[in-house]
């Protein structure tokens, strides 16, 4: 287990890794994140409130998430 040094004003810090037994070219994190149904996200994270997607001014897709971390609401 890795211990992270967290600055005093940080809300949280964590590090997670996993082995995925799939060919690299079949893994598309951006597509998964932008198309993950909100209900599926909620099943994975008890502190998740809502999720959505939009595009920035350059037309690049963006994921927007609302979470609680400690006592803070994070968007």
PDB file of N, CA and C in Angstrom:
ATOM      1  N   UNK A   1       0.840  -1.176   0.000  1.00  0.00           N
ATOM      2  CA  UNK A   1       0.000   0.000   0.000  1.00  0.00           C
ATOM      3  C   UNK A   1       0.885   1.240   0.000  1.00  0.00           C
ATOM      4  N   UNK A   2       0.544   2.184  -0.828  1.00  0.00           N
ATOM      5  CA  UNK A   2       1.308   3.422  -0.942  1.00  0.00           C
ATOM      6  C   UNK A   2       0.707   4.486  -0.024  1.00  0.00           C
ATOM      7  N   UNK A   3       1.520   5.130   0.761  1.00  0.00           N
ATOM      8  CA  UNK A   3       1.083   6.232   1.615  1.00  0.00           C
ATOM      9  C   UNK A   3       1.382   7.538   0.892  1.00  0.00           C
ATOM     10  N   UNK A   4       0.356   8.331   0.673  1.00  0.00           N
ATOM     11  CA  UNK A   4       0.525   9.607  -0.020  1.00  0.00           C
ATOM     12  C   UNK A   4       0.659  10.737   0.979  1.00  0.00           C
ATOM     13  N   UNK A   5       1.550  11.659   0.697  1.00  0.00           N
ATOM     14  CA  UNK A   5       1.669  12.869   1.500  1.00  0.00           C
ATOM     15  C   UNK A   5       0.632  13.868   0.983  1.00  0.00           C
ATOM     16  N   UNK A   6      -0.280  14.270   1.828  1.00  0.00           N
ATOM     17  CA  UNK A   6      -1.361  15.159   1.434  1.00  0.00           C
ATOM     18  C   UNK A   6      -1.115  16.553   2.002  1.00  0.00           C
ATOM     19  N   UNK A   7      -1.148  17.584   1.151  1.00  0.00           N
ATOM     20  CA  UNK A   7      -1.020  18.951   1.674  1.00  0.00           C
ATOM     21  C   UNK A   7      -2.129  19.233   2.691  1.00  0.00           C
ATOM     22  N   UNK A   8      -1.850  20.127   3.603  1.00  0.00           N
ATOM     23  CA  UNK A   8      -2.794  20.428   4.680  1.00  0.00           C
ATOM     24  C   UNK A   8      -4.154  20.881   4.162  1.00  0.00           C
ATOM     25  N   UNK A   9      -4.196  21.584   3.022  1.00  0.00           N
ATOM     26  CA  UNK A   9      -5.460  22.113   2.516  1.00  0.00           C
ATOM     27  C   UNK A   9      -6.126  21.195   1.486  1.00  0.00           C
ATOM     28  N   UNK A  10      -5.617  19.983   1.284  1.00  0.00           N
ATOM     29  CA  UNK A  10      -6.205  19.045   0.326  1.00  0.00           C
ATOM     30  C   UNK A  10      -7.447  18.391   0.921  1.00  0.00           C
ATOM     31  N   UNK A  11      -8.448  18.132   0.077  1.00  0.00           N
ATOM     32  CA  UNK A  11      -9.653  17.455   0.532  1.00  0.00           C
ATOM     33  C   UNK A  11      -9.411  15.963   0.723  1.00  0.00           C
ATOM     34  N   UNK A  12      -8.626  15.373  -0.186  1.00  0.00           N
ATOM     35  CA  UNK A  12      -8.302  13.953  -0.061  1.00  0.00           C
ATOM     36  C   UNK A  12      -7.194  13.608  -1.039  1.00  0.00           C
ATOM     37  N   UNK A  13      -6.649  12.416  -0.882  1.00  0.00           N
ATOM     38  CA  UNK A  13      -5.644  11.901  -1.809  1.00  0.00           C
ATOM     39  C   UNK A  13      -5.766  10.389  -1.818  1.00  0.00           C
ATOM     40  N   UNK A  14      -5.688   9.795  -2.997  1.00  0.00           N
ATOM     41  CA  UNK A  14      -5.727   8.344  -3.077  1.00  0.00           C
ATOM     42  C   UNK A  14      -5.035   7.892  -4.349  1.00  0.00           C
ATOM     43  N   UNK A  15      -4.680   6.638  -4.363  1.00  0.00           N
ATOM     44  CA  UNK A  15      -4.050   6.037  -5.526  1.00  0.00           C
ATOM     45  C   UNK A  15      -4.544   4.600  -5.623  1.00  0.00           C
ATOM     46  N   UNK A  16      -5.004   4.215  -6.807  1.00  0.00           N
ATOM     47  CA  UNK A  16      -5.533   2.874  -7.009  1.00  0.00           C
ATOM     48  C   UNK A  16      -4.985   2.337  -8.312  1.00  0.00           C
ATOM     49  N   UNK A  17      -4.682   1.058  -8.346  1.00  0.00           N
ATOM     50  CA  UNK A  17      -4.254   0.451  -9.604  1.00  0.00           C
ATOM     51  C   UNK A  17      -4.950  -0.892  -9.758  1.00  0.00           C
ATOM     52  N   UNK A  18      -5.103  -1.321 -10.995  1.00  0.00           N
ATOM     53  CA  UNK A  18      -5.738  -2.603 -11.290  1.00  0.00           C
ATOM     54  C   UNK A  18      -5.187  -3.134 -12.598  1.00  0.00           C
ATOM     55  N   UNK A  19      -5.133  -4.436 -12.699  1.00  0.00           N
ATOM     56  CA  UNK A  19      -4.723  -5.073 -13.948  1.00  0.00           C
ATOM     57  C   UNK A  19      -5.980  -5.377 -14.746  1.00  0.00           C
ATOM     58  N   UNK A  20      -6.019  -4.911 -15.984  1.00  0.00           N
ATOM     59  CA  UNK A  20      -7.146  -5.162 -16.877  1.00  0.00           C
ATOM     60  C   UNK A  20      -6.672  -6.123 -17.948  1.00  0.00           C
ATOM     61  N   UNK A  21      -7.269  -7.279 -17.999  1.00  0.00           N
ATOM     62  CA  UNK A  21      -6.883  -8.291 -18.979  1.00  0.00           C
ATOM     63  C   UNK A  21      -7.628  -8.052 -20.290  1.00  0.00           C
ATOM     64  N   UNK A  22      -7.220  -7.016 -21.006  1.00  0.00           N
ATOM     65  CA  UNK A  22      -7.815  -6.669 -22.292  1.00  0.00           C
ATOM     66  C   UNK A  22      -6.725  -6.063 -23.162  1.00  0.00           C
ATOM     67  N   UNK A  23      -6.830  -6.233 -24.468  1.00  0.00           N
ATOM     68  CA  UNK A  23      -5.850  -5.606 -25.351  1.00  0.00           C
ATOM     69  C   UNK A  23      -5.905  -4.084 -25.207  1.00  0.00           C
ATOM     70  N   UNK A  24      -4.755  -3.444 -25.187  1.00  0.00           N
ATOM     71  CA  UNK A  24      -4.668  -1.994 -25.000  1.00  0.00           C
ATOM     72  C   UNK A  24      -5.563  -1.238 -25.974  1.00  0.00           C
ATOM     73  N   UNK A  25      -5.591  -1.674 -27.233  1.00  0.00           N
ATOM     74  CA  UNK A  25      -6.371  -0.954 -28.247  1.00  0.00           C
ATOM     75  C   UNK A  25      -7.884  -1.076 -28.036  1.00  0.00           C
ATOM     76  N   UNK A  26      -8.309  -1.976 -27.158  1.00  0.00           N
ATOM     77  CA  UNK A  26      -9.740  -2.138 -26.864  1.00  0.00           C
ATOM     78  C   UNK A  26     -10.182  -1.306 -25.659  1.00  0.00           C
ATOM     79  N   UNK A  27      -9.234  -0.696 -24.953  1.00  0.00           N
ATOM     80  CA  UNK A  27      -9.556   0.089 -23.761  1.00  0.00           C
ATOM     81  C   UNK A  27      -9.646   1.566 -24.152  1.00  0.00           C
ATOM     82  N   UNK A  28     -10.816   2.144 -23.969  1.00  0.00           N
ATOM     83  CA  UNK A  28     -11.034   3.554 -24.311  1.00  0.00           C
ATOM     84  C   UNK A  28     -11.652   4.235 -23.087  1.00  0.00           C
ATOM     85  N   UNK A  29     -10.790   4.744 -22.212  1.00  0.00           N
ATOM     86  CA  UNK A  29     -11.249   5.352 -20.954  1.00  0.00           C
ATOM     87  C   UNK A  29     -12.156   6.555 -21.216  1.00  0.00           C
ATOM     88  N   UNK A  30     -11.806   7.398 -22.178  1.00  0.00           N
ATOM     89  CA  UNK A  30     -12.615   8.593 -22.462  1.00  0.00           C
ATOM     90  C   UNK A  30     -14.021   8.198 -22.899  1.00  0.00           C
ATOM     91  N   UNK A  31     -14.143   7.232 -23.788  1.00  0.00           N
ATOM     92  CA  UNK A  31     -15.460   6.784 -24.251  1.00  0.00           C
ATOM     93  C   UNK A  31     -16.258   6.193 -23.095  1.00  0.00           C
ATOM     94  N   UNK A  32     -15.597   5.383 -22.268  1.00  0.00           N
ATOM     95  CA  UNK A  32     -16.275   4.782 -21.118  1.00  0.00           C
ATOM     96  C   UNK A  32     -16.781   5.867 -20.165  1.00  0.00           C
ATOM     97  N   UNK A  33     -15.922   6.830 -19.854  1.00  0.00           N
ATOM     98  CA  UNK A  33     -16.296   7.876 -18.908  1.00  0.00           C
ATOM     99  C   UNK A  33     -17.425   8.751 -19.443  1.00  0.00           C
ATOM    100  N   UNK A  34     -17.352   9.115 -20.709  1.00  0.00           N
ATOM    101  CA  UNK A  34     -18.365  10.005 -21.276  1.00  0.00           C
ATOM    102  C   UNK A  34     -19.698   9.309 -21.530  1.00  0.00           C
ATOM    103  N   UNK A  35     -19.711   7.982 -21.550  1.00  0.00           N
ATOM    104  CA  UNK A  35     -20.944   7.242 -21.812  1.00  0.00           C
ATOM    105  C   UNK A  35     -21.404   6.398 -20.634  1.00  0.00           C
ATOM    106  N   UNK A  36     -20.756   6.551 -19.481  1.00  0.00           N
ATOM    107  CA  UNK A  36     -21.125   5.808 -18.288  1.00  0.00           C
ATOM    108  C   UNK A  36     -22.462   6.322 -17.766  1.00  0.00           C
ATOM    109  N   UNK A  37     -23.471   5.465 -17.691  1.00  0.00           N
ATOM    110  CA  UNK A  37     -24.766   5.924 -17.165  1.00  0.00           C
ATOM    111  C   UNK A  37     -24.628   6.373 -15.709  1.00  0.00           C
ATOM    112  N   UNK A  38     -25.366   7.410 -15.352  1.00  0.00           N
ATOM    113  CA  UNK A  38     -25.299   7.962 -14.007  1.00  0.00           C
ATOM    114  C   UNK A  38     -25.619   6.897 -12.957  1.00  0.00           C
ATOM    115  N   UNK A  39     -26.594   6.049 -13.227  1.00  0.00           N
ATOM    116  CA  UNK A  39     -26.972   5.005 -12.259  1.00  0.00           C
ATOM    117  C   UNK A  39     -25.823   4.027 -12.031  1.00  0.00           C
ATOM    118  N   UNK A  40     -25.069   3.689 -13.087  1.00  0.00           N
ATOM    119  CA  UNK A  40     -23.927   2.787 -12.931  1.00  0.00           C
ATOM    120  C   UNK A  40     -22.839   3.453 -12.101  1.00  0.00           C
ATOM    121  N   UNK A  41     -22.587   4.736 -12.333  1.00  0.00           N
ATOM    122  CA  UNK A  41     -21.606   5.477 -11.544  1.00  0.00           C
ATOM    123  C   UNK A  41     -22.024   5.476 -10.075  1.00  0.00           C
ATOM    124  N   UNK A  42     -23.305   5.708  -9.811  1.00  0.00           N
ATOM    125  CA  UNK A  42     -23.788   5.753  -8.432  1.00  0.00           C
ATOM    126  C   UNK A  42     -23.586   4.421  -7.722  1.00  0.00           C
ATOM    127  N   UNK A  43     -23.687   3.303  -8.441  1.00  0.00           N
ATOM    128  CA  UNK A  43     -23.455   1.995  -7.830  1.00  0.00           C
ATOM    129  C   UNK A  43     -21.990   1.799  -7.443  1.00  0.00           C
ATOM    130  N   UNK A  44     -21.078   2.533  -8.098  1.00  0.00           N
ATOM    131  CA  UNK A  44     -19.647   2.382  -7.834  1.00  0.00           C
ATOM    132  C   UNK A  44     -19.126   3.360  -6.796  1.00  0.00           C
ATOM    133  N   UNK A  45     -19.834   4.432  -6.537  1.00  0.00           N
ATOM    134  CA  UNK A  45     -19.342   5.478  -5.651  1.00  0.00           C
ATOM    135  C   UNK A  45     -20.463   5.972  -4.746  1.00  0.00           C
ATOM    136  N   UNK A  46     -20.344   5.703  -3.457  1.00  0.00           N
ATOM    137  CA  UNK A  46     -21.389   6.123  -2.520  1.00  0.00           C
ATOM    138  C   UNK A  46     -21.444   7.641  -2.342  1.00  0.00           C
ATOM    139  N   UNK A  47     -20.387   8.347  -2.731  1.00  0.00           N
ATOM    140  CA  UNK A  47     -20.354   9.800  -2.565  1.00  0.00           C
ATOM    141  C   UNK A  47     -20.684  10.542  -3.863  1.00  0.00           C
ATOM    142  N   UNK A  48     -21.065   9.798  -4.875  1.00  0.00           N
ATOM    143  CA  UNK A  48     -21.422  10.402  -6.160  1.00  0.00           C
ATOM    144  C   UNK A  48     -22.836  10.972  -6.083  1.00  0.00           C
ATOM    145  N   UNK A  49     -23.012  12.176  -6.616  1.00  0.00           N
ATOM    146  CA  UNK A  49     -24.321  12.819  -6.615  1.00  0.00           C
ATOM    147  C   UNK A  49     -24.902  12.859  -8.023  1.00  0.00           C
ATOM    148  N   UNK A  50     -24.108  13.284  -9.007  1.00  0.00           N
ATOM    149  CA  UNK A  50     -24.613  13.383 -10.378  1.00  0.00           C
ATOM    150  C   UNK A  50     -23.451  13.415 -11.359  1.00  0.00           C
ATOM    151  N   UNK A  51     -23.752  13.095 -12.621  1.00  0.00           N
ATOM    152  CA  UNK A  51     -22.748  13.145 -13.684  1.00  0.00           C
ATOM    153  C   UNK A  51     -23.416  13.594 -14.972  1.00  0.00           C
ATOM    154  N   UNK A  52     -22.629  14.188 -15.826  1.00  0.00           N
ATOM    155  CA  UNK A  52     -23.117  14.608 -17.125  1.00  0.00           C
ATOM    156  C   UNK A  52     -21.942  14.883 -18.026  1.00  0.00           C
ATOM    157  N   UNK A  53     -22.222  15.238 -19.256  1.00  0.00           N
ATOM    158  CA  UNK A  53     -21.137  15.584 -20.174  1.00  0.00           C
ATOM    159  C   UNK A  53     -21.539  16.800 -20.989  1.00  0.00           C
ATOM    160  N   UNK A  54     -20.526  17.480 -21.481  1.00  0.00           N
ATOM    161  CA  UNK A  54     -20.718  18.668 -22.301  1.00  0.00           C
ATOM    162  C   UNK A  54     -19.504  18.779 -23.216  1.00  0.00           C
ATOM    163  N   UNK A  55     -19.376  19.874 -23.919  1.00  0.00           N
ATOM    164  CA  UNK A  55     -18.181  20.135 -24.723  1.00  0.00           C
ATOM    165  C   UNK A  55     -17.627  21.495 -24.329  1.00  0.00           C
ATOM    166  N   UNK A  56     -16.306  21.658 -24.430  1.00  0.00           N
ATOM    167  CA  UNK A  56     -15.705  22.952 -24.121  1.00  0.00           C
ATOM    168  C   UNK A  56     -15.799  23.855 -25.348  1.00  0.00           C
ATOM    169  N   UNK A  57     -15.225  25.049 -25.282  1.00  0.00           N
ATOM    170  CA  UNK A  57     -15.320  26.010 -26.388  1.00  0.00           C
ATOM    171  C   UNK A  57     -14.665  25.517 -27.664  1.00  0.00           C
ATOM    172  N   UNK A  58     -13.708  24.593 -27.534  1.00  0.00           N
ATOM    173  CA  UNK A  58     -13.034  24.031 -28.712  1.00  0.00           C
ATOM    174  C   UNK A  58     -13.760  22.800 -29.248  1.00  0.00           C
ATOM    175  N   UNK A  59     -14.864  22.411 -28.615  1.00  0.00           N
ATOM    176  CA  UNK A  59     -15.629  21.259 -29.068  1.00  0.00           C
ATOM    177  C   UNK A  59     -15.170  19.931 -28.502  1.00  0.00           C
ATOM    178  N   UNK A  60     -14.226  19.952 -27.551  1.00  0.00           N
ATOM    179  CA  UNK A  60     -13.759  18.707 -26.942  1.00  0.00           C
ATOM    180  C   UNK A  60     -14.729  18.264 -25.851  1.00  0.00           C
ATOM    181  N   UNK A  61     -15.069  16.967 -25.827  1.00  0.00           N
ATOM    182  CA  UNK A  61     -16.002  16.491 -24.805  1.00  0.00           C
ATOM    183  C   UNK A  61     -15.401  16.584 -23.404  1.00  0.00           C
ATOM    184  N   UNK A  62     -16.267  16.860 -22.433  1.00  0.00           N
ATOM    185  CA  UNK A  62     -15.858  16.971 -21.031  1.00  0.00           C
ATOM    186  C   UNK A  62     -16.851  16.222 -20.159  1.00  0.00           C
ATOM    187  N   UNK A  63     -16.347  15.540 -19.150  1.00  0.00           N
ATOM    188  CA  UNK A  63     -17.187  14.890 -18.158  1.00  0.00           C
ATOM    189  C   UNK A  63     -17.339  15.842 -16.978  1.00  0.00           C
ATOM    190  N   UNK A  64     -18.553  15.958 -16.471  1.00  0.00           N
ATOM    191  CA  UNK A  64     -18.814  16.796 -15.304  1.00  0.00           C
ATOM    192  C   UNK A  64     -19.394  15.897 -14.217  1.00  0.00           C
ATOM    193  N   UNK A  65     -18.797  15.941 -13.041  1.00  0.00           N
ATOM    194  CA  UNK A  65     -19.236  15.095 -11.939  1.00  0.00           C
ATOM    195  C   UNK A  65     -19.442  15.925 -10.689  1.00  0.00           C
ATOM    196  N   UNK A  66     -20.419  15.546  -9.907  1.00  0.00           N
ATOM    197  CA  UNK A  66     -20.683  16.186  -8.619  1.00  0.00           C
ATOM    198  C   UNK A  66     -20.508  15.111  -7.552  1.00  0.00           C
ATOM    199  N   UNK A  67     -19.621  15.369  -6.606  1.00  0.00           N
ATOM    200  CA  UNK A  67     -19.283  14.400  -5.563  1.00  0.00           C
ATOM    201  C   UNK A  67     -19.232  15.112  -4.219  1.00  0.00           C
ATOM    202  N   UNK A  68     -19.304  14.338  -3.166  1.00  0.00           N
ATOM    203  CA  UNK A  68     -18.981  14.866  -1.850  1.00  0.00           C
ATOM    204  C   UNK A  68     -17.662  14.231  -1.419  1.00  0.00           C
ATOM    205  N   UNK A  69     -16.770  15.052  -0.937  1.00  0.00           N
ATOM    206  CA  UNK A  69     -15.498  14.594  -0.389  1.00  0.00           C
ATOM    207  C   UNK A  69     -15.395  15.217   0.985  1.00  0.00           C
ATOM    208  N   UNK A  70     -15.478  14.374   1.999  1.00  0.00           N
ATOM    209  CA  UNK A  70     -15.550  14.882   3.361  1.00  0.00           C
ATOM    210  C   UNK A  70     -16.844  15.670   3.508  1.00  0.00           C
ATOM    211  N   UNK A  71     -16.716  16.923   3.920  1.00  0.00           N
ATOM    212  CA  UNK A  71     -17.894  17.791   4.047  1.00  0.00           C
ATOM    213  C   UNK A  71     -18.036  18.719   2.848  1.00  0.00           C
ATOM    214  N   UNK A  72     -17.203  18.536   1.826  1.00  0.00           N
ATOM    215  CA  UNK A  72     -17.196  19.455   0.686  1.00  0.00           C
ATOM    216  C   UNK A  72     -17.981  18.894  -0.492  1.00  0.00           C
ATOM    217  N   UNK A  73     -18.654  19.769  -1.194  1.00  0.00           N
ATOM    218  CA  UNK A  73     -19.328  19.445  -2.446  1.00  0.00           C
ATOM    219  C   UNK A  73     -18.370  19.804  -3.559  1.00  0.00           C
ATOM    220  N   UNK A  74     -18.017  18.855  -4.422  1.00  0.00           N
ATOM    221  CA  UNK A  74     -17.008  19.064  -5.461  1.00  0.00           C
ATOM    222  C   UNK A  74     -17.645  18.846  -6.822  1.00  0.00           C
ATOM    223  N   UNK A  75     -17.445  19.811  -7.742  1.00  0.00           N
ATOM    224  CA  UNK A  75     -17.957  19.700  -9.113  1.00  0.00           C
ATOM    225  C   UNK A  75     -16.764  19.625 -10.040  1.00  0.00           C
TER     226      UNK A  75
END
